[in-house]
């Protein structure tokens, strides 16, 4: 039992560090105006267990080929996309 508790504490600590690093990377990407094709965005943010949680706190926009905003949406808790 002690080994399991120790392992859990280590994993929890590691997850906190990774979450902080990923939040910083996401913040920097958004500040720089980074965009992703939908297929890549889906893998990075909608399907990823950690980044989908970070992405839930944001309002996202979809753009057409000319760079015009088409829709605003957010990621729900069940990872569906909701109009915003």
PDB file of N, CA and C in Angstrom:
ATOM      1  N   UNK A   1       0.819  -1.199   0.000  1.00  0.00           N
ATOM      2  CA  UNK A   1       0.000   0.000   0.000  1.00  0.00           C
ATOM      3  C   UNK A   1       0.865   1.267   0.000  1.00  0.00           C
ATOM      4  N   UNK A   2       1.924   1.265   0.769  1.00  0.00           N
ATOM      5  CA  UNK A   2       2.810   2.431   0.838  1.00  0.00           C
ATOM      6  C   UNK A   2       3.425   2.733  -0.522  1.00  0.00           C
ATOM      7  N   UNK A   3       3.759   1.688  -1.261  1.00  0.00           N
ATOM      8  CA  UNK A   3       4.338   1.879  -2.595  1.00  0.00           C
ATOM      9  C   UNK A   3       3.306   2.527  -3.520  1.00  0.00           C
ATOM     10  N   UNK A   4       2.072   2.062  -3.443  1.00  0.00           N
ATOM     11  CA  UNK A   4       1.010   2.628  -4.281  1.00  0.00           C
ATOM     12  C   UNK A   4       0.766   4.092  -3.935  1.00  0.00           C
ATOM     13  N   UNK A   5       0.750   4.422  -2.654  1.00  0.00           N
ATOM     14  CA  UNK A   5       0.549   5.819  -2.242  1.00  0.00           C
ATOM     15  C   UNK A   5       1.699   6.697  -2.704  1.00  0.00           C
ATOM     16  N   UNK A   6       2.904   6.184  -2.593  1.00  0.00           N
ATOM     17  CA  UNK A   6       4.078   6.937  -3.043  1.00  0.00           C
ATOM     18  C   UNK A   6       4.017   7.169  -4.549  1.00  0.00           C
ATOM     19  N   UNK A   7       3.641   6.146  -5.269  1.00  0.00           N
ATOM     20  CA  UNK A   7       3.528   6.258  -6.727  1.00  0.00           C
ATOM     21  C   UNK A   7       2.444   7.268  -7.111  1.00  0.00           C
ATOM     22  N   UNK A   8       1.325   7.225  -6.404  1.00  0.00           N
ATOM     23  CA  UNK A   8       0.235   8.158  -6.673  1.00  0.00           C
ATOM     24  C   UNK A   8       0.690   9.597  -6.437  1.00  0.00           C
ATOM     25  N   UNK A   9       1.391   9.841  -5.350  1.00  0.00           N
ATOM     26  CA  UNK A   9       1.885  11.194  -5.057  1.00  0.00           C
ATOM     27  C   UNK A   9       2.836  11.670  -6.147  1.00  0.00           C
ATOM     28  N   UNK A  10       3.704  10.771  -6.602  1.00  0.00           N
ATOM     29  CA  UNK A  10       4.634  11.117  -7.673  1.00  0.00           C
ATOM     30  C   UNK A  10       3.873  11.471  -8.954  1.00  0.00           C
ATOM     31  N   UNK A  11       2.891  10.644  -9.312  1.00  0.00           N
ATOM     32  CA  UNK A  11       2.113  10.901 -10.526  1.00  0.00           C
ATOM     33  C   UNK A  11       1.326  12.200 -10.427  1.00  0.00           C
ATOM     34  N   UNK A  12       0.749  12.462  -9.263  1.00  0.00           N
ATOM     35  CA  UNK A  12      -0.004  13.706  -9.069  1.00  0.00           C
ATOM     36  C   UNK A  12       0.921  14.909  -9.223  1.00  0.00           C
ATOM     37  N   UNK A  13       2.101  14.834  -8.634  1.00  0.00           N
ATOM     38  CA  UNK A  13       3.076  15.923  -8.742  1.00  0.00           C
ATOM     39  C   UNK A  13       3.512  16.114 -10.196  1.00  0.00           C
ATOM     40  N   UNK A  14       3.762  15.022 -10.881  1.00  0.00           N
ATOM     41  CA  UNK A  14       4.174  15.092 -12.288  1.00  0.00           C
ATOM     42  C   UNK A  14       3.077  15.694 -13.153  1.00  0.00           C
ATOM     43  N   UNK A  15       1.839  15.298 -12.898  1.00  0.00           N
ATOM     44  CA  UNK A  15       0.715  15.827 -13.675  1.00  0.00           C
ATOM     45  C   UNK A  15       0.569  17.331 -13.475  1.00  0.00           C
ATOM     46  N   UNK A  16       0.757  17.802 -12.256  1.00  0.00           N
ATOM     47  CA  UNK A  16       0.679  19.244 -11.997  1.00  0.00           C
ATOM     48  C   UNK A  16       1.736  19.996 -12.798  1.00  0.00           C
ATOM     49  N   UNK A  17       2.951  19.447 -12.851  1.00  0.00           N
ATOM     50  CA  UNK A  17       4.030  20.090 -13.611  1.00  0.00           C
ATOM     51  C   UNK A  17       3.709  20.111 -15.104  1.00  0.00           C
ATOM     52  N   UNK A  18       3.244  18.983 -15.614  1.00  0.00           N
ATOM     53  CA  UNK A  18       2.910  18.898 -17.039  1.00  0.00           C
ATOM     54  C   UNK A  18       1.766  19.848 -17.374  1.00  0.00           C
ATOM     55  N   UNK A  19       0.757  19.904 -16.520  1.00  0.00           N
ATOM     56  CA  UNK A  19      -0.382  20.800 -16.761  1.00  0.00           C
ATOM     57  C   UNK A  19       0.080  22.252 -16.807  1.00  0.00           C
ATOM     58  N   UNK A  20       0.959  22.628 -15.910  1.00  0.00           N
ATOM     59  CA  UNK A  20       1.472  24.004 -15.897  1.00  0.00           C
ATOM     60  C   UNK A  20       2.266  24.293 -17.172  1.00  0.00           C
ATOM     61  N   UNK A  21       3.109  23.351 -17.576  1.00  0.00           N
ATOM     62  CA  UNK A  21       3.893  23.529 -18.802  1.00  0.00           C
ATOM     63  C   UNK A  21       2.983  23.653 -20.023  1.00  0.00           C
ATOM     64  N   UNK A  22       1.986  22.794 -20.109  1.00  0.00           N
ATOM     65  CA  UNK A  22       1.079  22.832 -21.252  1.00  0.00           C
ATOM     66  C   UNK A  22       0.242  24.109 -21.267  1.00  0.00           C
ATOM     67  N   UNK A  23      -0.176  24.561 -20.097  1.00  0.00           N
ATOM     68  CA  UNK A  23      -0.928  25.821 -20.024  1.00  0.00           C
ATOM     69  C   UNK A  23      -0.062  26.982 -20.512  1.00  0.00           C
ATOM     70  N   UNK A  24       1.203  26.987 -20.133  1.00  0.00           N
ATOM     71  CA  UNK A  24       2.118  28.040 -20.588  1.00  0.00           C
ATOM     72  C   UNK A  24       2.332  27.967 -22.098  1.00  0.00           C
ATOM     73  N   UNK A  25       2.503  26.766 -22.625  1.00  0.00           N
ATOM     74  CA  UNK A  25       2.679  26.602 -24.074  1.00  0.00           C
ATOM     75  C   UNK A  25       1.440  27.066 -24.834  1.00  0.00           C
ATOM     76  N   UNK A  26       0.276  26.719 -24.317  1.00  0.00           N
ATOM     77  CA  UNK A  26      -0.967  27.136 -24.961  1.00  0.00           C
ATOM     78  C   UNK A  26      -1.108  28.651 -24.916  1.00  0.00           C
ATOM     79  N   UNK A  27      -0.822  29.248 -23.781  1.00  0.00           N
ATOM     80  CA  UNK A  27      -0.896  30.704 -23.652  1.00  0.00           C
ATOM     81  C   UNK A  27       0.021  31.380 -24.673  1.00  0.00           C
ATOM     82  N   UNK A  28       1.249  30.907 -24.786  1.00  0.00           N
ATOM     83  CA  UNK A  28       2.197  31.487 -25.742  1.00  0.00           C
ATOM     84  C   UNK A  28       1.702  31.323 -27.181  1.00  0.00           C
ATOM     85  N   UNK A  29       1.155  30.164 -27.495  1.00  0.00           N
ATOM     86  CA  UNK A  29       0.639  29.935 -28.851  1.00  0.00           C
ATOM     87  C   UNK A  29      -0.498  30.894 -29.164  1.00  0.00           C
ATOM     88  N   UNK A  30      -1.383  31.102 -28.200  1.00  0.00           N
ATOM     89  CA  UNK A  30      -2.515  32.004 -28.426  1.00  0.00           C
ATOM     90  C   UNK A  30      -2.066  33.459 -28.514  1.00  0.00           C
ATOM     91  N   UNK A  31      -1.105  33.843 -27.708  1.00  0.00           N
ATOM     92  CA  UNK A  31      -0.566  35.211 -27.769  1.00  0.00           C
ATOM     93  C   UNK A  31       0.044  35.479 -29.146  1.00  0.00           C
ATOM     94  N   UNK A  32       0.712  34.476 -29.701  1.00  0.00           N
ATOM     95  CA  UNK A  32       1.358  34.620 -31.012  1.00  0.00           C
ATOM     96  C   UNK A  32       0.372  34.502 -32.174  1.00  0.00           C
ATOM     97  N   UNK A  33      -0.894  34.226 -31.871  1.00  0.00           N
ATOM     98  CA  UNK A  33      -1.890  34.103 -32.927  1.00  0.00           C
ATOM     99  C   UNK A  33      -1.836  32.783 -33.674  1.00  0.00           C
ATOM    100  N   UNK A  34      -1.311  31.778 -33.027  1.00  0.00           N
ATOM    101  CA  UNK A  34      -1.189  30.449 -33.646  1.00  0.00           C
ATOM    102  C   UNK A  34      -2.560  29.912 -34.022  1.00  0.00           C
ATOM    103  N   UNK A  35      -2.626  29.253 -35.158  1.00  0.00           N
ATOM    104  CA  UNK A  35      -3.858  28.580 -35.568  1.00  0.00           C
ATOM    105  C   UNK A  35      -3.498  27.170 -36.021  1.00  0.00           C
ATOM    106  N   UNK A  36      -4.492  26.301 -36.045  1.00  0.00           N
ATOM    107  CA  UNK A  36      -4.299  24.910 -36.409  1.00  0.00           C
ATOM    108  C   UNK A  36      -5.384  24.497 -37.395  1.00  0.00           C
ATOM    109  N   UNK A  37      -5.048  23.697 -38.394  1.00  0.00           N
ATOM    110  CA  UNK A  37      -6.099  23.095 -39.220  1.00  0.00           C
ATOM    111  C   UNK A  37      -6.994  22.254 -38.300  1.00  0.00           C
ATOM    112  N   UNK A  38      -8.272  22.137 -38.656  1.00  0.00           N
ATOM    113  CA  UNK A  38      -9.221  21.471 -37.761  1.00  0.00           C
ATOM    114  C   UNK A  38      -8.771  20.065 -37.357  1.00  0.00           C
ATOM    115  N   UNK A  39      -8.289  19.268 -38.301  1.00  0.00           N
ATOM    116  CA  UNK A  39      -7.893  17.891 -37.971  1.00  0.00           C
ATOM    117  C   UNK A  39      -6.802  17.878 -36.903  1.00  0.00           C
ATOM    118  N   UNK A  40      -5.849  18.780 -37.017  1.00  0.00           N
ATOM    119  CA  UNK A  40      -4.762  18.861 -36.016  1.00  0.00           C
ATOM    120  C   UNK A  40      -5.302  19.400 -34.696  1.00  0.00           C
ATOM    121  N   UNK A  41      -6.153  20.435 -34.753  1.00  0.00           N
ATOM    122  CA  UNK A  41      -6.750  21.006 -33.540  1.00  0.00           C
ATOM    123  C   UNK A  41      -7.529  19.935 -32.786  1.00  0.00           C
ATOM    124  N   UNK A  42      -8.272  19.130 -33.544  1.00  0.00           N
ATOM    125  CA  UNK A  42      -9.084  18.069 -32.926  1.00  0.00           C
ATOM    126  C   UNK A  42      -8.207  17.102 -32.123  1.00  0.00           C
ATOM    127  N   UNK A  43      -7.086  16.674 -32.695  1.00  0.00           N
ATOM    128  CA  UNK A  43      -6.168  15.764 -32.000  1.00  0.00           C
ATOM    129  C   UNK A  43      -5.529  16.461 -30.804  1.00  0.00           C
ATOM    130  N   UNK A  44      -5.085  17.697 -31.002  1.00  0.00           N
ATOM    131  CA  UNK A  44      -4.382  18.416 -29.936  1.00  0.00           C
ATOM    132  C   UNK A  44      -5.279  18.797 -28.767  1.00  0.00           C
ATOM    133  N   UNK A  45      -6.484  19.256 -29.050  1.00  0.00           N
ATOM    134  CA  UNK A  45      -7.304  19.849 -27.990  1.00  0.00           C
ATOM    135  C   UNK A  45      -8.580  19.081 -27.660  1.00  0.00           C
ATOM    136  N   UNK A  46      -9.226  18.533 -28.632  1.00  0.00           N
ATOM    137  CA  UNK A  46     -10.499  17.871 -28.345  1.00  0.00           C
ATOM    138  C   UNK A  46     -10.295  16.438 -27.849  1.00  0.00           C
ATOM    139  N   UNK A  47      -9.331  15.731 -28.408  1.00  0.00           N
ATOM    140  CA  UNK A  47      -9.128  14.330 -28.059  1.00  0.00           C
ATOM    141  C   UNK A  47      -8.098  14.123 -26.955  1.00  0.00           C
ATOM    142  N   UNK A  48      -7.323  15.134 -26.630  1.00  0.00           N
ATOM    143  CA  UNK A  48      -6.264  14.992 -25.625  1.00  0.00           C
ATOM    144  C   UNK A  48      -6.853  15.082 -24.217  1.00  0.00           C
ATOM    145  N   UNK A  49      -6.519  14.142 -23.333  1.00  0.00           N
ATOM    146  CA  UNK A  49      -7.128  14.132 -21.991  1.00  0.00           C
ATOM    147  C   UNK A  49      -6.818  15.363 -21.140  1.00  0.00           C
ATOM    148  N   UNK A  50      -5.655  15.955 -21.284  1.00  0.00           N
ATOM    149  CA  UNK A  50      -5.305  17.138 -20.498  1.00  0.00           C
ATOM    150  C   UNK A  50      -5.642  18.427 -21.242  1.00  0.00           C
ATOM    151  N   UNK A  51      -5.239  18.516 -22.492  1.00  0.00           N
ATOM    152  CA  UNK A  51      -5.448  19.760 -23.228  1.00  0.00           C
ATOM    153  C   UNK A  51      -6.923  20.044 -23.485  1.00  0.00           C
ATOM    154  N   UNK A  52      -7.746  19.006 -23.533  1.00  0.00           N
ATOM    155  CA  UNK A  52      -9.185  19.263 -23.688  1.00  0.00           C
ATOM    156  C   UNK A  52      -9.731  19.978 -22.457  1.00  0.00           C
ATOM    157  N   UNK A  53      -9.200  19.676 -21.293  1.00  0.00           N
ATOM    158  CA  UNK A  53      -9.629  20.363 -20.068  1.00  0.00           C
ATOM    159  C   UNK A  53      -9.180  21.822 -20.109  1.00  0.00           C
ATOM    160  N   UNK A  54      -7.937  22.062 -20.514  1.00  0.00           N
ATOM    161  CA  UNK A  54      -7.458  23.444 -20.641  1.00  0.00           C
ATOM    162  C   UNK A  54      -8.277  24.194 -21.689  1.00  0.00           C
ATOM    163  N   UNK A  55      -8.595  23.517 -22.774  1.00  0.00           N
ATOM    164  CA  UNK A  55      -9.353  24.139 -23.856  1.00  0.00           C
ATOM    165  C   UNK A  55     -10.787  24.475 -23.500  1.00  0.00           C
ATOM    166  N   UNK A  56     -11.328  23.844 -22.463  1.00  0.00           N
ATOM    167  CA  UNK A  56     -12.706  24.119 -22.050  1.00  0.00           C
ATOM    168  C   UNK A  56     -12.872  25.539 -21.524  1.00  0.00           C
ATOM    169  N   UNK A  57     -11.804  26.130 -21.070  1.00  0.00           N
ATOM    170  CA  UNK A  57     -11.883  27.482 -20.535  1.00  0.00           C
ATOM    171  C   UNK A  57     -11.739  28.571 -21.583  1.00  0.00           C
ATOM    172  N   UNK A  58     -11.684  28.182 -22.846  1.00  0.00           N
ATOM    173  CA  UNK A  58     -11.457  29.149 -23.923  1.00  0.00           C
ATOM    174  C   UNK A  58     -12.639  29.209 -24.879  1.00  0.00           C
ATOM    175  N   UNK A  59     -12.758  30.338 -25.551  1.00  0.00           N
ATOM    176  CA  UNK A  59     -13.677  30.471 -26.678  1.00  0.00           C
ATOM    177  C   UNK A  59     -12.815  30.348 -27.932  1.00  0.00           C
ATOM    178  N   UNK A  60     -13.156  29.419 -28.790  1.00  0.00           N
ATOM    179  CA  UNK A  60     -12.403  29.159 -30.008  1.00  0.00           C
ATOM    180  C   UNK A  60     -13.149  29.759 -31.201  1.00  0.00           C
ATOM    181  N   UNK A  61     -12.407  30.025 -32.280  1.00  0.00           N
ATOM    182  CA  UNK A  61     -13.031  30.512 -33.509  1.00  0.00           C
ATOM    183  C   UNK A  61     -12.609  29.651 -34.679  1.00  0.00           C
ATOM    184  N   UNK A  62     -13.540  29.473 -35.590  1.00  0.00           N
ATOM    185  CA  UNK A  62     -13.278  28.768 -36.842  1.00  0.00           C
ATOM    186  C   UNK A  62     -13.232  29.816 -37.944  1.00  0.00           C
ATOM    187  N   UNK A  63     -12.240  29.696 -38.829  1.00  0.00           N
ATOM    188  CA  UNK A  63     -12.051  30.646 -39.924  1.00  0.00           C
ATOM    189  C   UNK A  63     -12.197  29.938 -41.261  1.00  0.00           C
ATOM    190  N   UNK A  64     -12.634  30.690 -42.270  1.00  0.00           N
ATOM    191  CA  UNK A  64     -12.693  30.125 -43.615  1.00  0.00           C
ATOM    192  C   UNK A  64     -11.327  30.271 -44.283  1.00  0.00           C
ATOM    193  N   UNK A  65     -11.232  29.841 -45.531  1.00  0.00           N
ATOM    194  CA  UNK A  65      -9.959  29.869 -46.257  1.00  0.00           C
ATOM    195  C   UNK A  65      -9.420  31.279 -46.440  1.00  0.00           C
ATOM    196  N   UNK A  66     -10.299  32.291 -46.404  1.00  0.00           N
ATOM    197  CA  UNK A  66      -9.878  33.682 -46.552  1.00  0.00           C
ATOM    198  C   UNK A  66      -9.508  34.329 -45.223  1.00  0.00           C
ATOM    199  N   UNK A  67      -9.587  33.563 -44.146  1.00  0.00           N
ATOM    200  CA  UNK A  67      -9.243  34.098 -42.833  1.00  0.00           C
ATOM    201  C   UNK A  67     -10.370  34.830 -42.135  1.00  0.00           C
ATOM    202  N   UNK A  68     -11.587  34.692 -42.649  1.00  0.00           N
ATOM    203  CA  UNK A  68     -12.740  35.350 -42.018  1.00  0.00           C
ATOM    204  C   UNK A  68     -13.338  34.432 -40.958  1.00  0.00           C
ATOM    205  N   UNK A  69     -13.645  35.016 -39.799  1.00  0.00           N
ATOM    206  CA  UNK A  69     -14.247  34.236 -38.714  1.00  0.00           C
ATOM    207  C   UNK A  69     -15.612  33.719 -39.141  1.00  0.00           C
ATOM    208  N   UNK A  70     -15.841  32.440 -38.945  1.00  0.00           N
ATOM    209  CA  UNK A  70     -17.104  31.810 -39.334  1.00  0.00           C
ATOM    210  C   UNK A  70     -17.979  31.465 -38.136  1.00  0.00           C
ATOM    211  N   UNK A  71     -17.357  31.069 -37.033  1.00  0.00           N
ATOM    212  CA  UNK A  71     -18.130  30.648 -35.861  1.00  0.00           C
ATOM    213  C   UNK A  71     -17.246  30.688 -34.622  1.00  0.00           C
ATOM    214  N   UNK A  72     -17.878  30.911 -33.484  1.00  0.00           N
ATOM    215  CA  UNK A  72     -17.205  30.824 -32.188  1.00  0.00           C
ATOM    216  C   UNK A  72     -17.811  29.647 -31.441  1.00  0.00           C
ATOM    217  N   UNK A  73     -16.971  28.933 -30.731  1.00  0.00           N
ATOM    218  CA  UNK A  73     -17.453  27.757 -30.008  1.00  0.00           C
ATOM    219  C   UNK A  73     -16.556  27.494 -28.807  1.00  0.00           C
ATOM    220  N   UNK A  74     -17.006  26.590 -27.956  1.00  0.00           N
ATOM    221  CA  UNK A  74     -16.186  26.152 -26.835  1.00  0.00           C
ATOM    222  C   UNK A  74     -16.301  24.641 -26.711  1.00  0.00           C
ATOM    223  N   UNK A  75     -15.403  24.059 -25.953  1.00  0.00           N
ATOM    224  CA  UNK A  75     -15.413  22.622 -25.691  1.00  0.00           C
ATOM    225  C   UNK A  75     -16.199  22.394 -24.407  1.00  0.00           C
ATOM    226  N   UNK A  76     -17.213  21.541 -24.460  1.00  0.00           N
ATOM    227  CA  UNK A  76     -18.004  21.245 -23.261  1.00  0.00           C
ATOM    228  C   UNK A  76     -17.307  20.162 -22.431  1.00  0.00           C
ATOM    229  N   UNK A  77     -17.841  19.910 -21.253  1.00  0.00           N
ATOM    230  CA  UNK A  77     -17.259  18.896 -20.374  1.00  0.00           C
ATOM    231  C   UNK A  77     -17.273  17.506 -20.998  1.00  0.00           C
ATOM    232  N   UNK A  78     -18.243  17.235 -21.865  1.00  0.00           N
ATOM    233  CA  UNK A  78     -18.289  15.924 -22.524  1.00  0.00           C
ATOM    234  C   UNK A  78     -17.533  15.940 -23.858  1.00  0.00           C
ATOM    235  N   UNK A  79     -16.786  17.014 -24.090  1.00  0.00           N
ATOM    236  CA  UNK A  79     -15.948  17.223 -25.272  1.00  0.00           C
ATOM    237  C   UNK A  79     -16.739  17.446 -26.559  1.00  0.00           C
ATOM    238  N   UNK A  80     -17.996  17.777 -26.444  1.00  0.00           N
ATOM    239  CA  UNK A  80     -18.735  18.193 -27.635  1.00  0.00           C
ATOM    240  C   UNK A  80     -18.472  19.685 -27.833  1.00  0.00           C
ATOM    241  N   UNK A  81     -18.725  20.172 -29.032  1.00  0.00           N
ATOM    242  CA  UNK A  81     -18.501  21.584 -29.342  1.00  0.00           C
ATOM    243  C   UNK A  81     -19.821  22.324 -29.237  1.00  0.00           C
ATOM    244  N   UNK A  82     -19.804  23.446 -28.518  1.00  0.00           N
ATOM    245  CA  UNK A  82     -21.004  24.235 -28.257  1.00  0.00           C
ATOM    246  C   UNK A  82     -20.807  25.630 -28.835  1.00  0.00           C
ATOM    247  N   UNK A  83     -21.819  26.145 -29.528  1.00  0.00           N
ATOM    248  CA  UNK A  83     -21.756  27.520 -30.031  1.00  0.00           C
ATOM    249  C   UNK A  83     -21.524  28.481 -28.874  1.00  0.00           C
ATOM    250  N   UNK A  84     -20.719  29.494 -29.147  1.00  0.00           N
ATOM    251  CA  UNK A  84     -20.448  30.499 -28.111  1.00  0.00           C
ATOM    252  C   UNK A  84     -20.798  31.880 -28.624  1.00  0.00           C
TER     253      UNK A  84
END
